[in-house]
């Protein structure tokens, strides 16, 4: 058996950042392009763009900066948000591994 989980950040009970948006932002950071990032993840550009716009509206600040000739980059706030979610995700992954080991792979478990 495996321990699985889903992690998302909320503000005022509205979803802000989930695994899908996290991967989208990581791809934008890597490619410097919303279009390329969306293509790499198999998302329509329009859907990706709308998700990012809604995320910025809910946050109340910009997480992306479009630079002519350079594409799209994460703002400092965007980088911090990505780092925060990444850290939270790592902690949940460690917890899942610990629980899995304790309950399913040890002599005490199933």
PDB file of N, CA and C in Angstrom:
ATOM      1  N   UNK A   1       0.834  -1.186   0.000  1.00  0.00           N
ATOM      2  CA  UNK A   1       0.000   0.000   0.000  1.00  0.00           C
ATOM      3  C   UNK A   1       0.875   1.244   0.000  1.00  0.00           C
ATOM      4  N   UNK A   2       0.291   2.315  -0.473  1.00  0.00           N
ATOM      5  CA  UNK A   2       0.987   3.601  -0.547  1.00  0.00           C
ATOM      6  C   UNK A   2       0.167   4.676   0.153  1.00  0.00           C
ATOM      7  N   UNK A   3       0.851   5.634   0.721  1.00  0.00           N
ATOM      8  CA  UNK A   3       0.203   6.811   1.304  1.00  0.00           C
ATOM      9  C   UNK A   3       0.271   7.915   0.259  1.00  0.00           C
ATOM     10  N   UNK A   4      -0.860   8.475  -0.103  1.00  0.00           N
ATOM     11  CA  UNK A   4      -0.929   9.553  -1.094  1.00  0.00           C
ATOM     12  C   UNK A   4      -1.601  10.766  -0.475  1.00  0.00           C
ATOM     13  N   UNK A   5      -1.360  11.920  -1.068  1.00  0.00           N
ATOM     14  CA  UNK A   5      -1.930  13.163  -0.556  1.00  0.00           C
ATOM     15  C   UNK A   5      -1.999  14.182  -1.673  1.00  0.00           C
ATOM     16  N   UNK A   6      -2.811  15.202  -1.462  1.00  0.00           N
ATOM     17  CA  UNK A   6      -2.878  16.352  -2.365  1.00  0.00           C
ATOM     18  C   UNK A   6      -2.644  17.589  -1.516  1.00  0.00           C
ATOM     19  N   UNK A   7      -1.850  18.499  -2.040  1.00  0.00           N
ATOM     20  CA  UNK A   7      -1.516  19.719  -1.304  1.00  0.00           C
ATOM     21  C   UNK A   7      -1.902  20.915  -2.156  1.00  0.00           C
ATOM     22  N   UNK A   8      -2.622  21.848  -1.553  1.00  0.00           N
ATOM     23  CA  UNK A   8      -2.907  23.108  -2.231  1.00  0.00           C
ATOM     24  C   UNK A   8      -2.930  24.216  -1.200  1.00  0.00           C
ATOM     25  N   UNK A   9      -2.681  25.416  -1.662  1.00  0.00           N
ATOM     26  CA  UNK A   9      -2.728  26.589  -0.801  1.00  0.00           C
ATOM     27  C   UNK A   9      -4.030  27.322  -1.068  1.00  0.00           C
ATOM     28  N   UNK A  10      -4.651  27.813  -0.002  1.00  0.00           N
ATOM     29  CA  UNK A  10      -5.909  28.546  -0.111  1.00  0.00           C
ATOM     30  C   UNK A  10      -5.779  29.917   0.527  1.00  0.00           C
ATOM     31  N   UNK A  11      -6.626  30.816   0.067  1.00  0.00           N
ATOM     32  CA  UNK A  11      -6.765  32.134   0.680  1.00  0.00           C
ATOM     33  C   UNK A  11      -8.252  32.448   0.675  1.00  0.00           C
ATOM     34  N   UNK A  12      -8.802  32.737   1.834  1.00  0.00           N
ATOM     35  CA  UNK A  12     -10.241  33.001   1.956  1.00  0.00           C
ATOM     36  C   UNK A  12     -11.067  31.872   1.343  1.00  0.00           C
ATOM     37  N   UNK A  13     -10.631  30.645   1.587  1.00  0.00           N
ATOM     38  CA  UNK A  13     -11.290  29.424   1.111  1.00  0.00           C
ATOM     39  C   UNK A  13     -11.304  29.286  -0.411  1.00  0.00           C
ATOM     40  N   UNK A  14     -10.468  30.045  -1.098  1.00  0.00           N
ATOM     41  CA  UNK A  14     -10.324  29.924  -2.549  1.00  0.00           C
ATOM     42  C   UNK A  14      -8.973  29.291  -2.844  1.00  0.00           C
ATOM     43  N   UNK A  15      -8.969  28.316  -3.726  1.00  0.00           N
ATOM     44  CA  UNK A  15      -7.727  27.645  -4.092  1.00  0.00           C
ATOM     45  C   UNK A  15      -6.787  28.621  -4.799  1.00  0.00           C
ATOM     46  N   UNK A  16      -5.544  28.625  -4.355  1.00  0.00           N
ATOM     47  CA  UNK A  16      -4.531  29.459  -4.989  1.00  0.00           C
ATOM     48  C   UNK A  16      -3.589  28.603  -5.822  1.00  0.00           C
ATOM     49  N   UNK A  17      -2.851  27.767  -5.132  1.00  0.00           N
ATOM     50  CA  UNK A  17      -1.798  27.012  -5.801  1.00  0.00           C
ATOM     51  C   UNK A  17      -1.950  25.538  -5.490  1.00  0.00           C
ATOM     52  N   UNK A  18      -2.006  24.744  -6.544  1.00  0.00           N
ATOM     53  CA  UNK A  18      -2.081  23.294  -6.417  1.00  0.00           C
ATOM     54  C   UNK A  18      -0.949  22.709  -7.251  1.00  0.00           C
ATOM     55  N   UNK A  19      -0.886  21.395  -7.289  1.00  0.00           N
ATOM     56  CA  UNK A  19       0.201  20.725  -7.994  1.00  0.00           C
ATOM     57  C   UNK A  19       0.267  21.135  -9.469  1.00  0.00           C
ATOM     58  N   UNK A  20      -0.882  21.247 -10.117  1.00  0.00           N
ATOM     59  CA  UNK A  20      -0.895  21.609 -11.534  1.00  0.00           C
ATOM     60  C   UNK A  20      -0.306  22.988 -11.793  1.00  0.00           C
ATOM     61  N   UNK A  21      -0.712  23.965 -10.999  1.00  0.00           N
ATOM     62  CA  UNK A  21      -0.185  25.326 -11.169  1.00  0.00           C
ATOM     63  C   UNK A  21       1.288  25.387 -10.767  1.00  0.00           C
ATOM     64  N   UNK A  22       1.660  24.598  -9.768  1.00  0.00           N
ATOM     65  CA  UNK A  22       3.066  24.524  -9.353  1.00  0.00           C
ATOM     66  C   UNK A  22       3.921  24.049 -10.529  1.00  0.00           C
ATOM     67  N   UNK A  23       3.486  22.969 -11.187  1.00  0.00           N
ATOM     68  CA  UNK A  23       4.241  22.458 -12.339  1.00  0.00           C
ATOM     69  C   UNK A  23       4.260  23.469 -13.484  1.00  0.00           C
ATOM     70  N   UNK A  24       3.162  24.175 -13.679  1.00  0.00           N
ATOM     71  CA  UNK A  24       3.112  25.206 -14.717  1.00  0.00           C
ATOM     72  C   UNK A  24       4.131  26.306 -14.425  1.00  0.00           C
ATOM     73  N   UNK A  25       4.177  26.766 -13.185  1.00  0.00           N
ATOM     74  CA  UNK A  25       5.142  27.811 -12.816  1.00  0.00           C
ATOM     75  C   UNK A  25       6.580  27.310 -12.931  1.00  0.00           C
ATOM     76  N   UNK A  26       6.827  26.054 -12.561  1.00  0.00           N
ATOM     77  CA  UNK A  26       8.176  25.483 -12.698  1.00  0.00           C
ATOM     78  C   UNK A  26       8.587  25.443 -14.171  1.00  0.00           C
ATOM     79  N   UNK A  27       7.654  25.086 -15.038  1.00  0.00           N
ATOM     80  CA  UNK A  27       7.946  25.043 -16.475  1.00  0.00           C
ATOM     81  C   UNK A  27       8.191  26.438 -17.032  1.00  0.00           C
ATOM     82  N   UNK A  28       7.434  27.417 -16.557  1.00  0.00           N
ATOM     83  CA  UNK A  28       7.652  28.801 -16.995  1.00  0.00           C
ATOM     84  C   UNK A  28       9.034  29.250 -16.554  1.00  0.00           C
ATOM     85  N   UNK A  29       9.401  28.905 -15.334  1.00  0.00           N
ATOM     86  CA  UNK A  29      10.729  29.252 -14.820  1.00  0.00           C
ATOM     87  C   UNK A  29      11.817  28.623 -15.694  1.00  0.00           C
ATOM     88  N   UNK A  30      11.583  27.388 -16.133  1.00  0.00           N
ATOM     89  CA  UNK A  30      12.559  26.658 -16.943  1.00  0.00           C
ATOM     90  C   UNK A  30      12.620  27.161 -18.387  1.00  0.00           C
ATOM     91  N   UNK A  31      11.441  27.396 -18.993  1.00  0.00           N
ATOM     92  CA  UNK A  31      11.392  27.733 -20.418  1.00  0.00           C
ATOM     93  C   UNK A  31      11.370  29.230 -20.699  1.00  0.00           C
ATOM     94  N   UNK A  32      10.917  30.021 -19.716  1.00  0.00           N
ATOM     95  CA  UNK A  32      10.791  31.457 -19.940  1.00  0.00           C
ATOM     96  C   UNK A  32       9.601  31.823 -20.816  1.00  0.00           C
ATOM     97  N   UNK A  33       8.641  30.893 -20.910  1.00  0.00           N
ATOM     98  CA  UNK A  33       7.504  31.116 -21.800  1.00  0.00           C
ATOM     99  C   UNK A  33       6.260  30.408 -21.271  1.00  0.00           C
ATOM    100  N   UNK A  34       5.156  31.151 -21.191  1.00  0.00           N
ATOM    101  CA  UNK A  34       3.889  30.527 -20.790  1.00  0.00           C
ATOM    102  C   UNK A  34       3.455  29.538 -21.869  1.00  0.00           C
ATOM    103  N   UNK A  35       3.595  29.938 -23.126  1.00  0.00           N
ATOM    104  CA  UNK A  35       3.183  29.085 -24.238  1.00  0.00           C
ATOM    105  C   UNK A  35       3.952  27.764 -24.247  1.00  0.00           C
ATOM    106  N   UNK A  36       5.279  27.825 -24.134  1.00  0.00           N
ATOM    107  CA  UNK A  36       6.093  26.603 -24.134  1.00  0.00           C
ATOM    108  C   UNK A  36       5.795  25.745 -22.913  1.00  0.00           C
ATOM    109  N   UNK A  37       5.631  26.404 -21.770  1.00  0.00           N
ATOM    110  CA  UNK A  37       5.327  25.668 -20.538  1.00  0.00           C
ATOM    111  C   UNK A  37       4.004  24.920 -20.687  1.00  0.00           C
ATOM    112  N   UNK A  38       2.994  25.604 -21.212  1.00  0.00           N
ATOM    113  CA  UNK A  38       1.682  24.979 -21.409  1.00  0.00           C
ATOM    114  C   UNK A  38       1.793  23.802 -22.379  1.00  0.00           C
ATOM    115  N   UNK A  39       2.508  24.002 -23.472  1.00  0.00           N
ATOM    116  CA  UNK A  39       2.696  22.924 -24.451  1.00  0.00           C
ATOM    117  C   UNK A  39       3.372  21.720 -23.808  1.00  0.00           C
ATOM    118  N   UNK A  40       4.424  21.967 -23.038  1.00  0.00           N
ATOM    119  CA  UNK A  40       5.162  20.879 -22.386  1.00  0.00           C
ATOM    120  C   UNK A  40       4.288  20.080 -21.427  1.00  0.00           C
ATOM    121  N   UNK A  41       3.288  20.741 -20.857  1.00  0.00           N
ATOM    122  CA  UNK A  41       2.400  20.076 -19.899  1.00  0.00           C
ATOM    123  C   UNK A  41       1.094  19.592 -20.532  1.00  0.00           C
ATOM    124  N   UNK A  42       0.952  19.826 -21.835  1.00  0.00           N
ATOM    125  CA  UNK A  42      -0.251  19.387 -22.534  1.00  0.00           C
ATOM    126  C   UNK A  42      -1.485  20.217 -22.217  1.00  0.00           C
ATOM    127  N   UNK A  43      -1.269  21.484 -21.868  1.00  0.00           N
ATOM    128  CA  UNK A  43      -2.375  22.398 -21.556  1.00  0.00           C
ATOM    129  C   UNK A  43      -2.591  23.366 -22.708  1.00  0.00           C
ATOM    130  N   UNK A  44      -3.832  23.722 -22.973  1.00  0.00           N
ATOM    131  CA  UNK A  44      -4.062  24.801 -23.933  1.00  0.00           C
ATOM    132  C   UNK A  44      -3.509  26.111 -23.351  1.00  0.00           C
ATOM    133  N   UNK A  45      -2.912  26.934 -24.192  1.00  0.00           N
ATOM    134  CA  UNK A  45      -2.332  28.202 -23.734  1.00  0.00           C
ATOM    135  C   UNK A  45      -3.367  29.046 -23.003  1.00  0.00           C
ATOM    136  N   UNK A  46      -4.571  29.133 -23.577  1.00  0.00           N
ATOM    137  CA  UNK A  46      -5.607  29.989 -22.992  1.00  0.00           C
ATOM    138  C   UNK A  46      -5.936  29.556 -21.562  1.00  0.00           C
ATOM    139  N   UNK A  47      -6.034  28.248 -21.338  1.00  0.00           N
ATOM    140  CA  UNK A  47      -6.331  27.737 -19.996  1.00  0.00           C
ATOM    141  C   UNK A  47      -5.201  28.089 -19.029  1.00  0.00           C
ATOM    142  N   UNK A  48      -3.962  27.898 -19.463  1.00  0.00           N
ATOM    143  CA  UNK A  48      -2.811  28.222 -18.618  1.00  0.00           C
ATOM    144  C   UNK A  48      -2.799  29.710 -18.285  1.00  0.00           C
ATOM    145  N   UNK A  49      -3.018  30.535 -19.292  1.00  0.00           N
ATOM    146  CA  UNK A  49      -3.013  31.985 -19.097  1.00  0.00           C
ATOM    147  C   UNK A  49      -4.103  32.407 -18.108  1.00  0.00           C
ATOM    148  N   UNK A  50      -5.299  31.852 -18.256  1.00  0.00           N
ATOM    149  CA  UNK A  50      -6.405  32.192 -17.356  1.00  0.00           C
ATOM    150  C   UNK A  50      -6.129  31.730 -15.926  1.00  0.00           C
ATOM    151  N   UNK A  51      -5.535  30.555 -15.768  1.00  0.00           N
ATOM    152  CA  UNK A  51      -5.190  30.062 -14.427  1.00  0.00           C
ATOM    153  C   UNK A  51      -4.207  31.008 -13.746  1.00  0.00           C
ATOM    154  N   UNK A  52      -3.224  31.456 -14.492  1.00  0.00           N
ATOM    155  CA  UNK A  52      -2.210  32.352 -13.934  1.00  0.00           C
ATOM    156  C   UNK A  52      -2.798  33.716 -13.599  1.00  0.00           C
ATOM    157  N   UNK A  53      -3.667  34.207 -14.465  1.00  0.00           N
ATOM    158  CA  UNK A  53      -4.321  35.495 -14.224  1.00  0.00           C
ATOM    159  C   UNK A  53      -5.174  35.427 -12.961  1.00  0.00           C
ATOM    160  N   UNK A  54      -5.950  34.360 -12.821  1.00  0.00           N
ATOM    161  CA  UNK A  54      -6.791  34.175 -11.638  1.00  0.00           C
ATOM    162  C   UNK A  54      -5.938  34.047 -10.374  1.00  0.00           C
ATOM    163  N   UNK A  55      -4.834  33.329 -10.473  1.00  0.00           N
ATOM    164  CA  UNK A  55      -3.927  33.181  -9.332  1.00  0.00           C
ATOM    165  C   UNK A  55      -3.409  34.541  -8.876  1.00  0.00           C
ATOM    166  N   UNK A  56      -2.968  35.363  -9.815  1.00  0.00           N
ATOM    167  CA  UNK A  56      -2.472  36.701  -9.465  1.00  0.00           C
ATOM    168  C   UNK A  56      -3.580  37.562  -8.861  1.00  0.00           C
ATOM    169  N   UNK A  57      -4.785  37.457  -9.400  1.00  0.00           N
ATOM    170  CA  UNK A  57      -5.912  38.228  -8.848  1.00  0.00           C
ATOM    171  C   UNK A  57      -6.198  37.820  -7.408  1.00  0.00           C
ATOM    172  N   UNK A  58      -6.208  36.523  -7.145  1.00  0.00           N
ATOM    173  CA  UNK A  58      -6.491  36.030  -5.792  1.00  0.00           C
ATOM    174  C   UNK A  58      -5.371  36.371  -4.811  1.00  0.00           C
ATOM    175  N   UNK A  59      -4.140  36.340  -5.290  1.00  0.00           N
ATOM    176  CA  UNK A  59      -3.005  36.686  -4.433  1.00  0.00           C
ATOM    177  C   UNK A  59      -2.963  38.180  -4.137  1.00  0.00           C
ATOM    178  N   UNK A  60      -3.352  38.973  -5.137  1.00  0.00           N
ATOM    179  CA  UNK A  60      -3.294  40.420  -4.984  1.00  0.00           C
ATOM    180  C   UNK A  60      -1.947  41.004  -5.371  1.00  0.00           C
ATOM    181  N   UNK A  61      -1.122  40.208  -6.036  1.00  0.00           N
ATOM    182  CA  UNK A  61       0.170  40.696  -6.529  1.00  0.00           C
ATOM    183  C   UNK A  61       0.623  39.860  -7.727  1.00  0.00           C
ATOM    184  N   UNK A  62       1.560  40.413  -8.475  1.00  0.00           N
ATOM    185  CA  UNK A  62       2.075  39.761  -9.679  1.00  0.00           C
ATOM    186  C   UNK A  62       3.100  38.696  -9.305  1.00  0.00           C
ATOM    187  N   UNK A  63       3.017  37.560  -9.969  1.00  0.00           N
ATOM    188  CA  UNK A  63       4.018  36.514  -9.778  1.00  0.00           C
ATOM    189  C   UNK A  63       4.822  36.288 -11.058  1.00  0.00           C
ATOM    190  N   UNK A  64       4.360  36.909 -12.150  1.00  0.00           N
ATOM    191  CA  UNK A  64       5.051  36.801 -13.430  1.00  0.00           C
ATOM    192  C   UNK A  64       5.316  38.183 -14.004  1.00  0.00           C
ATOM    193  N   UNK A  65       6.434  38.275 -14.695  1.00  0.00           N
ATOM    194  CA  UNK A  65       6.781  39.529 -15.363  1.00  0.00           C
ATOM    195  C   UNK A  65       7.121  39.187 -16.808  1.00  0.00           C
ATOM    196  N   UNK A  66       6.430  39.871 -17.723  1.00  0.00           N
ATOM    197  CA  UNK A  66       6.705  39.665 -19.138  1.00  0.00           C
ATOM    198  C   UNK A  66       7.745  40.677 -19.579  1.00  0.00           C
ATOM    199  N   UNK A  67       8.849  40.185 -20.128  1.00  0.00           N
ATOM    200  CA  UNK A  67       9.924  41.066 -20.582  1.00  0.00           C
ATOM    201  C   UNK A  67      10.077  40.915 -22.086  1.00  0.00           C
ATOM    202  N   UNK A  68       9.967  42.042 -22.777  1.00  0.00           N
ATOM    203  CA  UNK A  68      10.105  42.013 -24.240  1.00  0.00           C
ATOM    204  C   UNK A  68      11.444  41.406 -24.643  1.00  0.00           C
ATOM    205  N   UNK A  69      11.354  40.441 -25.540  1.00  0.00           N
ATOM    206  CA  UNK A  69      12.557  39.804 -26.047  1.00  0.00           C
ATOM    207  C   UNK A  69      13.154  38.765 -25.110  1.00  0.00           C
ATOM    208  N   UNK A  70      12.665  38.709 -23.876  1.00  0.00           N
ATOM    209  CA  UNK A  70      13.205  37.749 -22.908  1.00  0.00           C
ATOM    210  C   UNK A  70      12.158  36.745 -22.448  1.00  0.00           C
ATOM    211  N   UNK A  71      10.913  36.960 -22.816  1.00  0.00           N
ATOM    212  CA  UNK A  71       9.861  36.041 -22.410  1.00  0.00           C
ATOM    213  C   UNK A  71       9.275  36.389 -21.060  1.00  0.00           C
ATOM    214  N   UNK A  72       8.886  35.370 -20.330  1.00  0.00           N
ATOM    215  CA  UNK A  72       8.227  35.539 -19.041  1.00  0.00           C
ATOM    216  C   UNK A  72       9.113  34.998 -17.931  1.00  0.00           C
ATOM    217  N   UNK A  73       9.257  35.781 -16.878  1.00  0.00           N
ATOM    218  CA  UNK A  73      10.050  35.356 -15.719  1.00  0.00           C
ATOM    219  C   UNK A  73       9.207  35.495 -14.456  1.00  0.00           C
ATOM    220  N   UNK A  74       9.574  34.750 -13.439  1.00  0.00           N
ATOM    221  CA  UNK A  74       8.898  34.876 -12.155  1.00  0.00           C
ATOM    222  C   UNK A  74       9.402  36.119 -11.440  1.00  0.00           C
ATOM    223  N   UNK A  75       8.487  36.828 -10.809  1.00  0.00           N
ATOM    224  CA  UNK A  75       8.882  37.953  -9.960  1.00  0.00           C
ATOM    225  C   UNK A  75       9.483  37.368  -8.685  1.00  0.00           C
ATOM    226  N   UNK A  76      10.051  38.214  -7.851  1.00  0.00           N
ATOM    227  CA  UNK A  76      10.585  37.735  -6.569  1.00  0.00           C
ATOM    228  C   UNK A  76       9.477  37.079  -5.750  1.00  0.00           C
ATOM    229  N   UNK A  77       8.282  37.679  -5.774  1.00  0.00           N
ATOM    230  CA  UNK A  77       7.142  37.101  -5.057  1.00  0.00           C
ATOM    231  C   UNK A  77       6.774  35.740  -5.636  1.00  0.00           C
ATOM    232  N   UNK A  78       6.833  35.627  -6.953  1.00  0.00           N
ATOM    233  CA  UNK A  78       6.546  34.353  -7.612  1.00  0.00           C
ATOM    234  C   UNK A  78       7.551  33.283  -7.228  1.00  0.00           C
ATOM    235  N   UNK A  79       8.819  33.660  -7.167  1.00  0.00           N
ATOM    236  CA  UNK A  79       9.871  32.718  -6.755  1.00  0.00           C
ATOM    237  C   UNK A  79       9.669  32.268  -5.314  1.00  0.00           C
ATOM    238  N   UNK A  80       9.291  33.209  -4.447  1.00  0.00           N
ATOM    239  CA  UNK A  80       9.051  32.866  -3.037  1.00  0.00           C
ATOM    240  C   UNK A  80       7.869  31.915  -2.906  1.00  0.00           C
ATOM    241  N   UNK A  81       6.801  32.173  -3.667  1.00  0.00           N
ATOM    242  CA  UNK A  81       5.621  31.314  -3.631  1.00  0.00           C
ATOM    243  C   UNK A  81       5.974  29.902  -4.095  1.00  0.00           C
ATOM    244  N   UNK A  82       6.735  29.803  -5.167  1.00  0.00           N
ATOM    245  CA  UNK A  82       7.161  28.513  -5.701  1.00  0.00           C
ATOM    246  C   UNK A  82       8.026  27.773  -4.683  1.00  0.00           C
ATOM    247  N   UNK A  83       8.932  28.491  -4.056  1.00  0.00           N
ATOM    248  CA  UNK A  83       9.809  27.899  -3.043  1.00  0.00           C
ATOM    249  C   UNK A  83       8.997  27.419  -1.836  1.00  0.00           C
ATOM    250  N   UNK A  84       8.051  28.236  -1.392  1.00  0.00           N
ATOM    251  CA  UNK A  84       7.203  27.878  -0.255  1.00  0.00           C
ATOM    252  C   UNK A  84       6.420  26.601  -0.544  1.00  0.00           C
ATOM    253  N   UNK A  85       5.770  26.555  -1.695  1.00  0.00           N
ATOM    254  CA  UNK A  85       4.988  25.370  -2.049  1.00  0.00           C
ATOM    255  C   UNK A  85       5.901  24.153  -2.159  1.00  0.00           C
ATOM    256  N   UNK A  86       7.069  24.335  -2.747  1.00  0.00           N
ATOM    257  CA  UNK A  86       8.030  23.236  -2.873  1.00  0.00           C
ATOM    258  C   UNK A  86       8.451  22.689  -1.520  1.00  0.00           C
ATOM    259  N   UNK A  87       8.695  23.574  -0.563  1.00  0.00           N
ATOM    260  CA  UNK A  87       9.072  23.147   0.788  1.00  0.00           C
ATOM    261  C   UNK A  87       7.931  22.401   1.469  1.00  0.00           C
ATOM    262  N   UNK A  88       6.722  22.921   1.341  1.00  0.00           N
ATOM    263  CA  UNK A  88       5.553  22.256   1.929  1.00  0.00           C
ATOM    264  C   UNK A  88       5.387  20.872   1.306  1.00  0.00           C
ATOM    265  N   UNK A  89       5.541  20.790  -0.002  1.00  0.00           N
ATOM    266  CA  UNK A  89       5.413  19.524  -0.715  1.00  0.00           C
ATOM    267  C   UNK A  89       6.448  18.512  -0.225  1.00  0.00           C
ATOM    268  N   UNK A  90       7.690  18.946  -0.058  1.00  0.00           N
ATOM    269  CA  UNK A  90       8.747  18.052   0.440  1.00  0.00           C
ATOM    270  C   UNK A  90       8.402  17.508   1.821  1.00  0.00           C
ATOM    271  N   UNK A  91       7.883  18.366   2.685  1.00  0.00           N
ATOM    272  CA  UNK A  91       7.521  17.927   4.039  1.00  0.00           C
ATOM    273  C   UNK A  91       6.393  16.897   3.998  1.00  0.00           C
ATOM    274  N   UNK A  92       5.405  17.105   3.138  1.00  0.00           N
ATOM    275  CA  UNK A  92       4.329  16.131   3.001  1.00  0.00           C
ATOM    276  C   UNK A  92       4.862  14.819   2.429  1.00  0.00           C
ATOM    277  N   UNK A  93       5.791  14.897   1.469  1.00  0.00           N
ATOM    278  CA  UNK A  93       6.365  13.680   0.896  1.00  0.00           C
ATOM    279  C   UNK A  93       7.126  12.889   1.956  1.00  0.00           C
ATOM    280  N   UNK A  94       7.895  13.602   2.789  1.00  0.00           N
ATOM    281  CA  UNK A  94       8.615  12.927   3.877  1.00  0.00           C
ATOM    282  C   UNK A  94       7.639  12.276   4.850  1.00  0.00           C
ATOM    283  N   UNK A  95       6.581  12.994   5.200  1.00  0.00           N
ATOM    284  CA  UNK A  95       5.578  12.452   6.111  1.00  0.00           C
ATOM    285  C   UNK A  95       4.920  11.207   5.511  1.00  0.00           C
ATOM    286  N   UNK A  96       4.581  11.258   4.233  1.00  0.00           N
ATOM    287  CA  UNK A  96       3.970  10.106   3.567  1.00  0.00           C
ATOM    288  C   UNK A  96       4.915   8.911   3.602  1.00  0.00           C
ATOM    289  N   UNK A  97       6.201   9.139   3.351  1.00  0.00           N
ATOM    290  CA  UNK A  97       7.189   8.056   3.400  1.00  0.00           C
ATOM    291  C   UNK A  97       7.293   7.475   4.801  1.00  0.00           C
ATOM    292  N   UNK A  98       7.304   8.341   5.812  1.00  0.00           N
ATOM    293  CA  UNK A  98       7.379   7.877   7.200  1.00  0.00           C
ATOM    294  C   UNK A  98       6.152   7.044   7.566  1.00  0.00           C
ATOM    295  N   UNK A  99       4.971   7.518   7.186  1.00  0.00           N
ATOM    296  CA  UNK A  99       3.740   6.791   7.488  1.00  0.00           C
ATOM    297  C   UNK A  99       3.693   5.455   6.754  1.00  0.00           C
ATOM    298  N   UNK A 100       4.121   5.472   5.514  1.00  0.00           N
ATOM    299  CA  UNK A 100       4.158   4.251   4.720  1.00  0.00           C
ATOM    300  C   UNK A 100       5.088   3.232   5.367  1.00  0.00           C
ATOM    301  N   UNK A 101       6.255   3.689   5.751  1.00  0.00           N
ATOM    302  CA  UNK A 101       7.233   2.807   6.399  1.00  0.00           C
ATOM    303  C   UNK A 101       6.668   2.257   7.710  1.00  0.00           C
ATOM    304  N   UNK A 102       6.085   3.121   8.499  1.00  0.00           N
ATOM    305  CA  UNK A 102       5.564   2.713   9.811  1.00  0.00           C
ATOM    306  C   UNK A 102       4.405   1.725   9.694  1.00  0.00           C
ATOM    307  N   UNK A 103       3.453   2.012   8.815  1.00  0.00           N
ATOM    308  CA  UNK A 103       2.235   1.215   8.777  1.00  0.00           C
ATOM    309  C   UNK A 103       2.228   0.075   7.760  1.00  0.00           C
ATOM    310  N   UNK A 104       3.058   0.147   6.739  1.00  0.00           N
ATOM    311  CA  UNK A 104       2.980  -0.871   5.699  1.00  0.00           C
ATOM    312  C   UNK A 104       4.264  -1.653   5.468  1.00  0.00           C
ATOM    313  N   UNK A 105       5.398  -1.162   5.945  1.00  0.00           N
ATOM    314  CA  UNK A 105       6.658  -1.853   5.668  1.00  0.00           C
ATOM    315  C   UNK A 105       7.390  -2.309   6.922  1.00  0.00           C
ATOM    316  N   UNK A 106       6.910  -1.952   8.065  1.00  0.00           N
ATOM    317  CA  UNK A 106       7.582  -2.354   9.303  1.00  0.00           C
ATOM    318  C   UNK A 106       6.916  -3.598   9.873  1.00  0.00           C
ATOM    319  N   UNK A 107       7.521  -4.162  10.893  1.00  0.00           N
ATOM    320  CA  UNK A 107       6.957  -5.353  11.537  1.00  0.00           C
ATOM    321  C   UNK A 107       5.672  -5.018  12.291  1.00  0.00           C
ATOM    322  N   UNK A 108       5.458  -3.712  12.574  1.00  0.00           N
ATOM    323  CA  UNK A 108       4.257  -3.290  13.295  1.00  0.00           C
ATOM    324  C   UNK A 108       3.059  -3.107  12.363  1.00  0.00           C
ATOM    325  N   UNK A 109       3.320  -2.988  11.082  1.00  0.00           N
ATOM    326  CA  UNK A 109       2.257  -2.645  10.132  1.00  0.00           C
ATOM    327  C   UNK A 109       1.534  -3.844   9.566  1.00  0.00           C
ATOM    328  N   UNK A 110       0.790  -3.629   8.491  1.00  0.00           N
ATOM    329  CA  UNK A 110      -0.013  -4.656   7.823  1.00  0.00           C
ATOM    330  C   UNK A 110       0.857  -5.785   7.330  1.00  0.00           C
TER     331      UNK A 110
END
